[in-house]
Amino acid sequence: MIDTVRESINVDEGLKRVMNNKKLYTRLLGNFTGRKFVTQIEEATENDDFGAVLDAVHALKGVAANLAMFRLTAVASQIEALAKNGESPVGLLPELNEALEKTDHAISLVRDESFEWA
């Protein structure tokens, strides 16, 4: 279980950011609304609205980085770079969705009562 989580989230780093408060970190993970941002990015990409892509991906990247979701942060950074250059991120959308799915799964594992904190 911990290896699945570590593929997407650096739990140790996330805990450090909240002063090792497991309850707070778990609650923050539970409040994560990555799908909302990804939907905004997809819709803005479809409309060639790179300003809107930039806004949504920057917000996603910030939240993901603060929660130590390194995989999602990395893909968001790539999309942000494209949007800043006025380039379509359409080729990265499958990777973004995969990163989000894996991150969401990791969140569910961390939030499970049986999760063993390292």
PDB file of N, CA and C in Angstrom:
ATOM      1  N   MET A   1       0.818  -1.189   0.000  1.00  0.00           N
ATOM      2  CA  MET A   1       0.000   0.000   0.000  1.00  0.00           C
ATOM      3  C   MET A   1       0.868   1.262   0.000  1.00  0.00           C
ATOM      4  N   ILE A   2       1.905   1.292   0.808  1.00  0.00           N
ATOM      5  CA  ILE A   2       2.742   2.490   0.912  1.00  0.00           C
ATOM      6  C   ILE A   2       3.459   2.783  -0.405  1.00  0.00           C
ATOM      7  N   ASP A   3       3.849   1.733  -1.147  1.00  0.00           N
ATOM      8  CA  ASP A   3       4.502   1.962  -2.438  1.00  0.00           C
ATOM      9  C   ASP A   3       3.556   2.624  -3.428  1.00  0.00           C
ATOM     10  N   THR A   4       2.293   2.230  -3.416  1.00  0.00           N
ATOM     11  CA  THR A   4       1.290   2.849  -4.292  1.00  0.00           C
ATOM     12  C   THR A   4       1.148   4.323  -3.959  1.00  0.00           C
ATOM     13  N   VAL A   5       1.136   4.638  -2.686  1.00  0.00           N
ATOM     14  CA  VAL A   5       1.031   6.036  -2.257  1.00  0.00           C
ATOM     15  C   VAL A   5       2.271   6.803  -2.692  1.00  0.00           C
ATOM     16  N   ARG A   6       3.431   6.222  -2.473  1.00  0.00           N
ATOM     17  CA  ARG A   6       4.689   6.917  -2.778  1.00  0.00           C
ATOM     18  C   ARG A   6       4.900   7.173  -4.270  1.00  0.00           C
ATOM     19  N   GLU A   7       4.139   6.504  -5.119  1.00  0.00           N
ATOM     20  CA  GLU A   7       4.224   6.776  -6.555  1.00  0.00           C
ATOM     21  C   GLU A   7       3.659   8.151  -6.895  1.00  0.00           C
ATOM     22  N   SER A   8       2.828   8.688  -6.009  1.00  0.00           N
ATOM     23  CA  SER A   8       2.144   9.945  -6.309  1.00  0.00           C
ATOM     24  C   SER A   8       2.307  11.026  -5.253  1.00  0.00           C
ATOM     25  N   ILE A   9       2.451  10.629  -4.007  1.00  0.00           N
ATOM     26  CA  ILE A   9       2.492  11.592  -2.906  1.00  0.00           C
ATOM     27  C   ILE A   9       3.700  11.319  -2.013  1.00  0.00           C
ATOM     28  N   ASN A  10       4.416  12.370  -1.670  1.00  0.00           N
ATOM     29  CA  ASN A  10       5.494  12.257  -0.701  1.00  0.00           C
ATOM     30  C   ASN A  10       4.888  12.584   0.668  1.00  0.00           C
ATOM     31  N   VAL A  11       4.349  11.556   1.305  1.00  0.00           N
ATOM     32  CA  VAL A  11       3.631  11.741   2.563  1.00  0.00           C
ATOM     33  C   VAL A  11       4.528  12.357   3.631  1.00  0.00           C
ATOM     34  N   ASP A  12       5.782  11.952   3.704  1.00  0.00           N
ATOM     35  CA  ASP A  12       6.693  12.504   4.705  1.00  0.00           C
ATOM     36  C   ASP A  12       6.840  14.018   4.528  1.00  0.00           C
ATOM     37  N   GLU A  13       7.008  14.443   3.286  1.00  0.00           N
ATOM     38  CA  GLU A  13       7.134  15.875   3.004  1.00  0.00           C
ATOM     39  C   GLU A  13       5.824  16.603   3.314  1.00  0.00           C
ATOM     40  N   GLY A  14       4.706  16.000   2.929  1.00  0.00           N
ATOM     41  CA  GLY A  14       3.407  16.603   3.215  1.00  0.00           C
ATOM     42  C   GLY A  14       3.179  16.796   4.705  1.00  0.00           C
ATOM     43  N   LEU A  15       3.550  15.797   5.474  1.00  0.00           N
ATOM     44  CA  LEU A  15       3.409  15.908   6.924  1.00  0.00           C
ATOM     45  C   LEU A  15       4.283  17.015   7.493  1.00  0.00           C
ATOM     46  N   LYS A  16       5.495  17.150   6.986  1.00  0.00           N
ATOM     47  CA  LYS A  16       6.385  18.220   7.461  1.00  0.00           C
ATOM     48  C   LYS A  16       5.745  19.585   7.260  1.00  0.00           C
ATOM     49  N   ARG A  17       5.028  19.731   6.159  1.00  0.00           N
ATOM     50  CA  ARG A  17       4.420  21.028   5.833  1.00  0.00           C
ATOM     51  C   ARG A  17       3.280  21.397   6.767  1.00  0.00           C
ATOM     52  N   VAL A  18       2.752  20.405   7.480  1.00  0.00           N
ATOM     53  CA  VAL A  18       1.684  20.676   8.442  1.00  0.00           C
ATOM     54  C   VAL A  18       2.137  20.309   9.858  1.00  0.00           C
ATOM     55  N   MET A  19       3.430  20.423  10.074  1.00  0.00           N
ATOM     56  CA  MET A  19       4.028  20.194  11.388  1.00  0.00           C
ATOM     57  C   MET A  19       3.677  18.809  11.949  1.00  0.00           C
ATOM     58  N   ASN A  20       3.701  17.804  11.056  1.00  0.00           N
ATOM     59  CA  ASN A  20       3.452  16.402  11.404  1.00  0.00           C
ATOM     60  C   ASN A  20       2.064  16.144  11.993  1.00  0.00           C
ATOM     61  N   ASN A  21       1.120  16.998  11.645  1.00  0.00           N
ATOM     62  CA  ASN A  21      -0.254  16.830  12.109  1.00  0.00           C
ATOM     63  C   ASN A  21      -0.987  15.916  11.110  1.00  0.00           C
ATOM     64  N   LYS A  22      -1.047  14.636  11.420  1.00  0.00           N
ATOM     65  CA  LYS A  22      -1.638  13.641  10.516  1.00  0.00           C
ATOM     66  C   LYS A  22      -3.123  13.912  10.267  1.00  0.00           C
ATOM     67  N   LYS A  23      -3.823  14.327  11.297  1.00  0.00           N
ATOM     68  CA  LYS A  23      -5.249  14.608  11.160  1.00  0.00           C
ATOM     69  C   LYS A  23      -5.481  15.758  10.178  1.00  0.00           C
ATOM     70  N   LEU A  24      -4.696  16.818  10.297  1.00  0.00           N
ATOM     71  CA  LEU A  24      -4.820  17.964   9.398  1.00  0.00           C
ATOM     72  C   LEU A  24      -4.449  17.570   7.972  1.00  0.00           C
ATOM     73  N   TYR A  25      -3.344  16.856   7.815  1.00  0.00           N
ATOM     74  CA  TYR A  25      -2.909  16.459   6.472  1.00  0.00           C
ATOM     75  C   TYR A  25      -3.962  15.564   5.803  1.00  0.00           C
ATOM     76  N   THR A  26      -4.501  14.641   6.563  1.00  0.00           N
ATOM     77  CA  THR A  26      -5.536  13.761   6.030  1.00  0.00           C
ATOM     78  C   THR A  26      -6.764  14.566   5.611  1.00  0.00           C
ATOM     79  N   ARG A  27      -7.131  15.545   6.411  1.00  0.00           N
ATOM     80  CA  ARG A  27      -8.286  16.389   6.072  1.00  0.00           C
ATOM     81  C   ARG A  27      -8.002  17.211   4.814  1.00  0.00           C
ATOM     82  N   LEU A  28      -6.809  17.768   4.712  1.00  0.00           N
ATOM     83  CA  LEU A  28      -6.449  18.542   3.522  1.00  0.00           C
ATOM     84  C   LEU A  28      -6.475  17.672   2.271  1.00  0.00           C
ATOM     85  N   LEU A  29      -5.972  16.464   2.378  1.00  0.00           N
ATOM     86  CA  LEU A  29      -6.025  15.542   1.239  1.00  0.00           C
ATOM     87  C   LEU A  29      -7.470  15.256   0.855  1.00  0.00           C
ATOM     88  N   GLY A  30      -8.325  15.082   1.851  1.00  0.00           N
ATOM     89  CA  GLY A  30      -9.731  14.801   1.589  1.00  0.00           C
ATOM     90  C   GLY A  30     -10.460  15.961   0.927  1.00  0.00           C
ATOM     91  N   ASN A  31      -9.955  17.171   1.143  1.00  0.00           N
ATOM     92  CA  ASN A  31     -10.569  18.365   0.548  1.00  0.00           C
ATOM     93  C   ASN A  31     -10.027  18.674  -0.845  1.00  0.00           C
ATOM     94  N   PHE A  32      -9.050  17.908  -1.301  1.00  0.00           N
ATOM     95  CA  PHE A  32      -8.428  18.161  -2.594  1.00  0.00           C
ATOM     96  C   PHE A  32      -9.432  17.982  -3.723  1.00  0.00           C
ATOM     97  N   THR A  33      -9.526  18.993  -4.575  1.00  0.00           N
ATOM     98  CA  THR A  33     -10.503  18.997  -5.678  1.00  0.00           C
ATOM     99  C   THR A  33      -9.790  19.045  -7.024  1.00  0.00           C
ATOM    100  N   GLY A  34      -8.892  18.116  -7.233  1.00  0.00           N
ATOM    101  CA  GLY A  34      -8.117  18.089  -8.467  1.00  0.00           C
ATOM    102  C   GLY A  34      -8.950  17.944  -9.722  1.00  0.00           C
ATOM    103  N   ARG A  35     -10.032  17.172  -9.645  1.00  0.00           N
ATOM    104  CA  ARG A  35     -10.869  16.952 -10.835  1.00  0.00           C
ATOM    105  C   ARG A  35     -11.435  18.277 -11.347  1.00  0.00           C
ATOM    106  N   LYS A  36     -11.793  19.171 -10.442  1.00  0.00           N
ATOM    107  CA  LYS A  36     -12.326  20.475 -10.841  1.00  0.00           C
ATOM    108  C   LYS A  36     -11.305  21.224 -11.698  1.00  0.00           C
ATOM    109  N   PHE A  37     -10.073  21.242 -11.258  1.00  0.00           N
ATOM    110  CA  PHE A  37      -9.022  21.938 -12.005  1.00  0.00           C
ATOM    111  C   PHE A  37      -8.757  21.275 -13.348  1.00  0.00           C
ATOM    112  N   VAL A  38      -8.710  19.949 -13.351  1.00  0.00           N
ATOM    113  CA  VAL A  38      -8.439  19.224 -14.596  1.00  0.00           C
ATOM    114  C   VAL A  38      -9.558  19.469 -15.603  1.00  0.00           C
ATOM    115  N   THR A  39     -10.782  19.478 -15.152  1.00  0.00           N
ATOM    116  CA  THR A  39     -11.909  19.775 -16.046  1.00  0.00           C
ATOM    117  C   THR A  39     -11.775  21.175 -16.630  1.00  0.00           C
ATOM    118  N   GLN A  40     -11.407  22.144 -15.814  1.00  0.00           N
ATOM    119  CA  GLN A  40     -11.199  23.513 -16.298  1.00  0.00           C
ATOM    120  C   GLN A  40     -10.080  23.564 -17.332  1.00  0.00           C
ATOM    121  N   ILE A  41      -9.015  22.832 -17.090  1.00  0.00           N
ATOM    122  CA  ILE A  41      -7.882  22.792 -18.020  1.00  0.00           C
ATOM    123  C   ILE A  41      -8.320  22.165 -19.343  1.00  0.00           C
ATOM    124  N   GLU A  42      -9.055  21.079 -19.268  1.00  0.00           N
ATOM    125  CA  GLU A  42      -9.533  20.405 -20.482  1.00  0.00           C
ATOM    126  C   GLU A  42     -10.456  21.315 -21.293  1.00  0.00           C
ATOM    127  N   GLU A  43     -11.389  21.968 -20.621  1.00  0.00           N
ATOM    128  CA  GLU A  43     -12.331  22.848 -21.323  1.00  0.00           C
ATOM    129  C   GLU A  43     -11.611  24.045 -21.941  1.00  0.00           C
ATOM    130  N   ALA A  44     -10.689  24.631 -21.202  1.00  0.00           N
ATOM    131  CA  ALA A  44      -9.940  25.771 -21.722  1.00  0.00           C
ATOM    132  C   ALA A  44      -9.051  25.361 -22.894  1.00  0.00           C
ATOM    133  N   THR A  45      -8.477  24.173 -22.823  1.00  0.00           N
ATOM    134  CA  THR A  45      -7.654  23.661 -23.923  1.00  0.00           C
ATOM    135  C   THR A  45      -8.507  23.476 -25.172  1.00  0.00           C
ATOM    136  N   GLU A  46      -9.687  22.911 -24.984  1.00  0.00           N
ATOM    137  CA  GLU A  46     -10.604  22.691 -26.101  1.00  0.00           C
ATOM    138  C   GLU A  46     -10.975  24.011 -26.786  1.00  0.00           C
ATOM    139  N   ASN A  47     -11.044  25.077 -25.995  1.00  0.00           N
ATOM    140  CA  ASN A  47     -11.408  26.397 -26.521  1.00  0.00           C
ATOM    141  C   ASN A  47     -10.195  27.254 -26.900  1.00  0.00           C
ATOM    142  N   ASP A  48      -9.006  26.659 -26.864  1.00  0.00           N
ATOM    143  CA  ASP A  48      -7.757  27.391 -27.143  1.00  0.00           C
ATOM    144  C   ASP A  48      -7.624  28.652 -26.294  1.00  0.00           C
ATOM    145  N   ASP A  49      -8.109  28.581 -25.063  1.00  0.00           N
ATOM    146  CA  ASP A  49      -8.028  29.703 -24.122  1.00  0.00           C
ATOM    147  C   ASP A  49      -6.857  29.447 -23.175  1.00  0.00           C
ATOM    148  N   PHE A  50      -5.665  29.794 -23.638  1.00  0.00           N
ATOM    149  CA  PHE A  50      -4.463  29.456 -22.877  1.00  0.00           C
ATOM    150  C   PHE A  50      -4.316  30.287 -21.610  1.00  0.00           C
ATOM    151  N   GLY A  51      -4.969  31.444 -21.567  1.00  0.00           N
ATOM    152  CA  GLY A  51      -4.995  32.217 -20.323  1.00  0.00           C
ATOM    153  C   GLY A  51      -5.753  31.462 -19.239  1.00  0.00           C
ATOM    154  N   ALA A  52      -6.895  30.872 -19.620  1.00  0.00           N
ATOM    155  CA  ALA A  52      -7.680  30.084 -18.668  1.00  0.00           C
ATOM    156  C   ALA A  52      -6.949  28.797 -18.297  1.00  0.00           C
ATOM    157  N   VAL A  53      -6.252  28.201 -19.274  1.00  0.00           N
ATOM    158  CA  VAL A  53      -5.434  27.020 -18.979  1.00  0.00           C
ATOM    159  C   VAL A  53      -4.398  27.396 -17.929  1.00  0.00           C
ATOM    160  N   LEU A  54      -3.738  28.511 -18.150  1.00  0.00           N
ATOM    161  CA  LEU A  54      -2.687  28.955 -17.238  1.00  0.00           C
ATOM    162  C   LEU A  54      -3.235  29.188 -15.828  1.00  0.00           C
ATOM    163  N   ASP A  55      -4.386  29.834 -15.728  1.00  0.00           N
ATOM    164  CA  ASP A  55      -4.981  30.080 -14.410  1.00  0.00           C
ATOM    165  C   ASP A  55      -5.285  28.778 -13.684  1.00  0.00           C
ATOM    166  N   ALA A  56      -5.958  27.864 -14.380  1.00  0.00           N
ATOM    167  CA  ALA A  56      -6.368  26.609 -13.744  1.00  0.00           C
ATOM    168  C   ALA A  56      -5.173  25.725 -13.400  1.00  0.00           C
ATOM    169  N   VAL A  57      -4.209  25.640 -14.305  1.00  0.00           N
ATOM    170  CA  VAL A  57      -3.067  24.759 -14.056  1.00  0.00           C
ATOM    171  C   VAL A  57      -2.160  25.337 -12.977  1.00  0.00           C
ATOM    172  N   HIS A  58      -2.079  26.657 -12.906  1.00  0.00           N
ATOM    173  CA  HIS A  58      -1.270  27.277 -11.852  1.00  0.00           C
ATOM    174  C   HIS A  58      -1.890  26.986 -10.483  1.00  0.00           C
ATOM    175  N   ALA A  59      -3.214  27.072 -10.401  1.00  0.00           N
ATOM    176  CA  ALA A  59      -3.898  26.760  -9.141  1.00  0.00           C
ATOM    177  C   ALA A  59      -3.698  25.292  -8.771  1.00  0.00           C
ATOM    178  N   LEU A  60      -3.858  24.406  -9.745  1.00  0.00           N
ATOM    179  CA  LEU A  60      -3.659  22.978  -9.504  1.00  0.00           C
ATOM    180  C   LEU A  60      -2.237  22.707  -9.040  1.00  0.00           C
ATOM    181  N   LYS A  61      -1.283  23.282  -9.722  1.00  0.00           N
ATOM    182  CA  LYS A  61       0.124  23.062  -9.379  1.00  0.00           C
ATOM    183  C   LYS A  61       0.414  23.535  -7.954  1.00  0.00           C
ATOM    184  N   GLY A  62      -0.129  24.674  -7.576  1.00  0.00           N
ATOM    185  CA  GLY A  62       0.103  25.208  -6.239  1.00  0.00           C
ATOM    186  C   GLY A  62      -0.457  24.313  -5.143  1.00  0.00           C
ATOM    187  N   VAL A  63      -1.688  23.889  -5.314  1.00  0.00           N
ATOM    188  CA  VAL A  63      -2.312  23.020  -4.311  1.00  0.00           C
ATOM    189  C   VAL A  63      -1.582  21.680  -4.256  1.00  0.00           C
ATOM    190  N   ALA A  64      -1.309  21.108  -5.411  1.00  0.00           N
ATOM    191  CA  ALA A  64      -0.620  19.812  -5.457  1.00  0.00           C
ATOM    192  C   ALA A  64       0.767  19.902  -4.829  1.00  0.00           C
ATOM    193  N   ALA A  65       1.477  20.967  -5.105  1.00  0.00           N
ATOM    194  CA  ALA A  65       2.817  21.132  -4.529  1.00  0.00           C
ATOM    195  C   ALA A  65       2.753  21.270  -3.011  1.00  0.00           C
ATOM    196  N   ASN A  66       1.795  22.044  -2.533  1.00  0.00           N
ATOM    197  CA  ASN A  66       1.666  22.230  -1.087  1.00  0.00           C
ATOM    198  C   ASN A  66       1.320  20.936  -0.361  1.00  0.00           C
ATOM    199  N   LEU A  67       0.626  20.033  -1.038  1.00  0.00           N
ATOM    200  CA  LEU A  67       0.258  18.759  -0.434  1.00  0.00           C
ATOM    201  C   LEU A  67       1.257  17.648  -0.771  1.00  0.00           C
ATOM    202  N   ALA A  68       2.354  18.015  -1.421  1.00  0.00           N
ATOM    203  CA  ALA A  68       3.442  17.085  -1.761  1.00  0.00           C
ATOM    204  C   ALA A  68       3.001  16.000  -2.741  1.00  0.00           C
ATOM    205  N   MET A  69       2.149  16.380  -3.681  1.00  0.00           N
ATOM    206  CA  MET A  69       1.699  15.479  -4.749  1.00  0.00           C
ATOM    207  C   MET A  69       2.635  15.685  -5.939  1.00  0.00           C
ATOM    208  N   PHE A  70       3.807  15.113  -5.855  1.00  0.00           N
ATOM    209  CA  PHE A  70       4.878  15.433  -6.792  1.00  0.00           C
ATOM    210  C   PHE A  70       4.575  15.040  -8.235  1.00  0.00           C
ATOM    211  N   ARG A  71       3.904  13.945  -8.435  1.00  0.00           N
ATOM    212  CA  ARG A  71       3.622  13.492  -9.809  1.00  0.00           C
ATOM    213  C   ARG A  71       2.681  14.473 -10.509  1.00  0.00           C
ATOM    214  N   LEU A  72       1.628  14.864  -9.824  1.00  0.00           N
ATOM    215  CA  LEU A  72       0.663  15.814 -10.369  1.00  0.00           C
ATOM    216  C   LEU A  72       1.309  17.186 -10.558  1.00  0.00           C
ATOM    217  N   THR A  73       2.148  17.576  -9.622  1.00  0.00           N
ATOM    218  CA  THR A  73       2.853  18.856  -9.719  1.00  0.00           C
ATOM    219  C   THR A  73       3.743  18.887 -10.957  1.00  0.00           C
ATOM    220  N   ALA A  74       4.420  17.795 -11.243  1.00  0.00           N
ATOM    221  CA  ALA A  74       5.331  17.743 -12.395  1.00  0.00           C
ATOM    222  C   ALA A  74       4.579  17.899 -13.714  1.00  0.00           C
ATOM    223  N   VAL A  75       3.461  17.208 -13.865  1.00  0.00           N
ATOM    224  CA  VAL A  75       2.683  17.316 -15.102  1.00  0.00           C
ATOM    225  C   VAL A  75       2.085  18.714 -15.219  1.00  0.00           C
ATOM    226  N   ALA A  76       1.591  19.239 -14.110  1.00  0.00           N
ATOM    227  CA  ALA A  76       1.028  20.599 -14.120  1.00  0.00           C
ATOM    228  C   ALA A  76       2.089  21.619 -14.526  1.00  0.00           C
ATOM    229  N   SER A  77       3.305  21.426 -14.079  1.00  0.00           N
ATOM    230  CA  SER A  77       4.409  22.340 -14.445  1.00  0.00           C
ATOM    231  C   SER A  77       4.669  22.314 -15.947  1.00  0.00           C
ATOM    232  N   GLN A  78       4.609  21.128 -16.532  1.00  0.00           N
ATOM    233  CA  GLN A  78       4.812  21.008 -17.982  1.00  0.00           C
ATOM    234  C   GLN A  78       3.697  21.719 -18.748  1.00  0.00           C
ATOM    235  N   ILE A  79       2.470  21.539 -18.283  1.00  0.00           N
ATOM    236  CA  ILE A  79       1.333  22.187 -18.941  1.00  0.00           C
ATOM    237  C   ILE A  79       1.426  23.696 -18.777  1.00  0.00           C
ATOM    238  N   GLU A  80       1.825  24.144 -17.614  1.00  0.00           N
ATOM    239  CA  GLU A  80       1.971  25.572 -17.363  1.00  0.00           C
ATOM    240  C   GLU A  80       3.004  26.188 -18.316  1.00  0.00           C
ATOM    241  N   ALA A  81       4.099  25.506 -18.530  1.00  0.00           N
ATOM    242  CA  ALA A  81       5.138  26.007 -19.437  1.00  0.00           C
ATOM    243  C   ALA A  81       4.596  26.140 -20.856  1.00  0.00           C
ATOM    244  N   LEU A  82       3.830  25.157 -21.303  1.00  0.00           N
ATOM    245  CA  LEU A  82       3.234  25.240 -22.637  1.00  0.00           C
ATOM    246  C   LEU A  82       2.264  26.416 -22.735  1.00  0.00           C
ATOM    247  N   ALA A  83       1.388  26.544 -21.750  1.00  0.00           N
ATOM    248  CA  ALA A  83       0.390  27.615 -21.773  1.00  0.00           C
ATOM    249  C   ALA A  83       1.050  28.992 -21.765  1.00  0.00           C
ATOM    250  N   LYS A  84       2.137  29.134 -21.023  1.00  0.00           N
ATOM    251  CA  LYS A  84       2.857  30.420 -20.986  1.00  0.00           C
ATOM    252  C   LYS A  84       3.395  30.788 -22.361  1.00  0.00           C
ATOM    253  N   ASN A  85       3.714  29.772 -23.164  1.00  0.00           N
ATOM    254  CA  ASN A  85       4.231  30.004 -24.516  1.00  0.00           C
ATOM    255  C   ASN A  85       3.122  30.019 -25.568  1.00  0.00           C
ATOM    256  N   GLY A  86       1.867  29.972 -25.112  1.00  0.00           N
ATOM    257  CA  GLY A  86       0.748  29.980 -26.042  1.00  0.00           C
ATOM    258  C   GLY A  86       0.598  28.694 -26.828  1.00  0.00           C
ATOM    259  N   GLU A  87       1.110  27.604 -26.267  1.00  0.00           N
ATOM    260  CA  GLU A  87       1.043  26.299 -26.930  1.00  0.00           C
ATOM    261  C   GLU A  87      -0.025  25.432 -26.272  1.00  0.00           C
ATOM    262  N   SER A  88      -0.674  24.619 -27.060  1.00  0.00           N
ATOM    263  CA  SER A  88      -1.718  23.737 -26.549  1.00  0.00           C
ATOM    264  C   SER A  88      -1.107  22.591 -25.742  1.00  0.00           C
ATOM    265  N   PRO A  89      -1.680  22.320 -24.576  1.00  0.00           N
ATOM    266  CA  PRO A  89      -1.227  21.186 -23.774  1.00  0.00           C
ATOM    267  C   PRO A  89      -1.997  19.900 -24.062  1.00  0.00           C
ATOM    268  N   VAL A  90      -2.707  19.859 -25.167  1.00  0.00           N
ATOM    269  CA  VAL A  90      -3.591  18.722 -25.446  1.00  0.00           C
ATOM    270  C   VAL A  90      -2.856  17.380 -25.366  1.00  0.00           C
ATOM    271  N   GLY A  91      -1.614  17.337 -25.760  1.00  0.00           N
ATOM    272  CA  GLY A  91      -0.844  16.091 -25.722  1.00  0.00           C
ATOM    273  C   GLY A  91      -0.529  15.618 -24.313  1.00  0.00           C
ATOM    274  N   LEU A  92      -0.603  16.518 -23.336  1.00  0.00           N
ATOM    275  CA  LEU A  92      -0.312  16.146 -21.951  1.00  0.00           C
ATOM    276  C   LEU A  92      -1.567  15.834 -21.136  1.00  0.00           C
ATOM    277  N   LEU A  93      -2.740  16.041 -21.725  1.00  0.00           N
ATOM    278  CA  LEU A  93      -3.970  15.812 -20.965  1.00  0.00           C
ATOM    279  C   LEU A  93      -4.143  14.360 -20.516  1.00  0.00           C
ATOM    280  N   PRO A  94      -3.801  13.364 -21.355  1.00  0.00           N
ATOM    281  CA  PRO A  94      -3.887  11.982 -20.852  1.00  0.00           C
ATOM    282  C   PRO A  94      -2.958  11.742 -19.653  1.00  0.00           C
ATOM    283  N   GLU A  95      -1.762  12.297 -19.711  1.00  0.00           N
ATOM    284  CA  GLU A  95      -0.820  12.138 -18.603  1.00  0.00           C
ATOM    285  C   GLU A  95      -1.332  12.846 -17.346  1.00  0.00           C
ATOM    286  N   LEU A  96      -1.952  14.013 -17.539  1.00  0.00           N
ATOM    287  CA  LEU A  96      -2.536  14.744 -16.413  1.00  0.00           C
ATOM    288  C   LEU A  96      -3.647  13.919 -15.763  1.00  0.00           C
ATOM    289  N   ASN A  97      -4.516  13.351 -16.577  1.00  0.00           N
ATOM    290  CA  ASN A  97      -5.602  12.535 -16.041  1.00  0.00           C
ATOM    291  C   ASN A  97      -5.085  11.289 -15.327  1.00  0.00           C
ATOM    292  N   GLU A  98      -4.058  10.676 -15.880  1.00  0.00           N
ATOM    293  CA  GLU A  98      -3.469   9.506 -15.223  1.00  0.00           C
ATOM    294  C   GLU A  98      -2.858   9.890 -13.876  1.00  0.00           C
ATOM    295  N   ALA A  99      -2.146  11.016 -13.855  1.00  0.00           N
ATOM    296  CA  ALA A  99      -1.546  11.478 -12.598  1.00  0.00           C
ATOM    297  C   ALA A  99      -2.625  11.773 -11.567  1.00  0.00           C
ATOM    298  N   LEU A 100      -3.714  12.373 -12.004  1.00  0.00           N
ATOM    299  CA  LEU A 100      -4.812  12.669 -11.082  1.00  0.00           C
ATOM    300  C   LEU A 100      -5.449  11.382 -10.554  1.00  0.00           C
ATOM    301  N   GLU A 101      -5.679  10.419 -11.422  1.00  0.00           N
ATOM    302  CA  GLU A 101      -6.274   9.145 -10.989  1.00  0.00           C
ATOM    303  C   GLU A 101      -5.387   8.452  -9.960  1.00  0.00           C
ATOM    304  N   LYS A 102      -4.097   8.421 -10.221  1.00  0.00           N
ATOM    305  CA  LYS A 102      -3.177   7.769  -9.283  1.00  0.00           C
ATOM    306  C   LYS A 102      -3.106   8.541  -7.967  1.00  0.00           C
ATOM    307  N   THR A 103      -3.141   9.861  -8.063  1.00  0.00           N
ATOM    308  CA  THR A 103      -3.115  10.684  -6.855  1.00  0.00           C
ATOM    309  C   THR A 103      -4.392  10.485  -6.048  1.00  0.00           C
ATOM    310  N   ASP A 104      -5.537  10.475  -6.722  1.00  0.00           N
ATOM    311  CA  ASP A 104      -6.804  10.239  -6.023  1.00  0.00           C
ATOM    312  C   ASP A 104      -6.806   8.883  -5.325  1.00  0.00           C
ATOM    313  N   HIS A 105      -6.255   7.877  -6.000  1.00  0.00           N
ATOM    314  CA  HIS A 105      -6.173   6.542  -5.384  1.00  0.00           C
ATOM    315  C   HIS A 105      -5.250   6.589  -4.161  1.00  0.00           C
ATOM    316  N   ALA A 106      -4.136   7.263  -4.287  1.00  0.00           N
ATOM    317  CA  ALA A 106      -3.197   7.380  -3.164  1.00  0.00           C
ATOM    318  C   ALA A 106      -3.864   8.102  -1.988  1.00  0.00           C
ATOM    319  N   ILE A 107      -4.641   9.131  -2.293  1.00  0.00           N
ATOM    320  CA  ILE A 107      -5.353   9.861  -1.233  1.00  0.00           C
ATOM    321  C   ILE A 107      -6.301   8.924  -0.500  1.00  0.00           C
ATOM    322  N   SER A 108      -7.023   8.111  -1.250  1.00  0.00           N
ATOM    323  CA  SER A 108      -7.969   7.186  -0.599  1.00  0.00           C
ATOM    324  C   SER A 108      -7.234   6.199   0.306  1.00  0.00           C
ATOM    325  N   LEU A 109      -6.045   5.792  -0.092  1.00  0.00           N
ATOM    326  CA  LEU A 109      -5.265   4.877   0.739  1.00  0.00           C
ATOM    327  C   LEU A 109      -4.773   5.563   2.012  1.00  0.00           C
ATOM    328  N   VAL A 110      -4.302   6.796   1.876  1.00  0.00           N
ATOM    329  CA  VAL A 110      -3.804   7.538   3.043  1.00  0.00           C
ATOM    330  C   VAL A 110      -4.941   7.816   4.025  1.00  0.00           C
ATOM    331  N   ARG A 111      -6.107   8.092   3.498  1.00  0.00           N
ATOM    332  CA  ARG A 111      -7.248   8.428   4.356  1.00  0.00           C
ATOM    333  C   ARG A 111      -7.874   7.195   5.009  1.00  0.00           C
ATOM    334  N   ASP A 112      -7.517   6.005   4.530  1.00  0.00           N
ATOM    335  CA  ASP A 112      -8.037   4.770   5.106  1.00  0.00           C
ATOM    336  C   ASP A 112      -7.452   4.592   6.511  1.00  0.00           C
ATOM    337  N   GLU A 113      -8.276   4.150   7.422  1.00  0.00           N
ATOM    338  CA  GLU A 113      -7.831   3.983   8.807  1.00  0.00           C
ATOM    339  C   GLU A 113      -6.709   2.972   8.960  1.00  0.00           C
ATOM    340  N   SER A 114      -6.585   2.052   8.014  1.00  0.00           N
ATOM    341  CA  SER A 114      -5.547   1.031   8.118  1.00  0.00           C
ATOM    342  C   SER A 114      -4.190   1.504   7.572  1.00  0.00           C
ATOM    343  N   PHE A 115      -4.125   2.743   7.061  1.00  0.00           N
ATOM    344  CA  PHE A 115      -2.871   3.238   6.493  1.00  0.00           C
ATOM    345  C   PHE A 115      -1.809   3.300   7.590  1.00  0.00           C
ATOM    346  N   GLU A 116      -0.645   2.771   7.276  1.00  0.00           N
ATOM    347  CA  GLU A 116       0.466   2.774   8.232  1.00  0.00           C
ATOM    348  C   GLU A 116       1.421   3.909   7.874  1.00  0.00           C
ATOM    349  N   TRP A 117       1.414   4.925   8.704  1.00  0.00           N
ATOM    350  CA  TRP A 117       2.286   6.066   8.489  1.00  0.00           C
ATOM    351  C   TRP A 117       3.725   5.639   8.723  1.00  0.00           C
ATOM    352  N   ALA A 118       4.612   6.094   7.870  1.00  0.00           N
ATOM    353  CA  ALA A 118       6.026   5.708   7.978  1.00  0.00           C
ATOM    354  C   ALA A 118       6.690   6.352   9.171  1.00  0.00           C
TER     355      ALA A 118
END
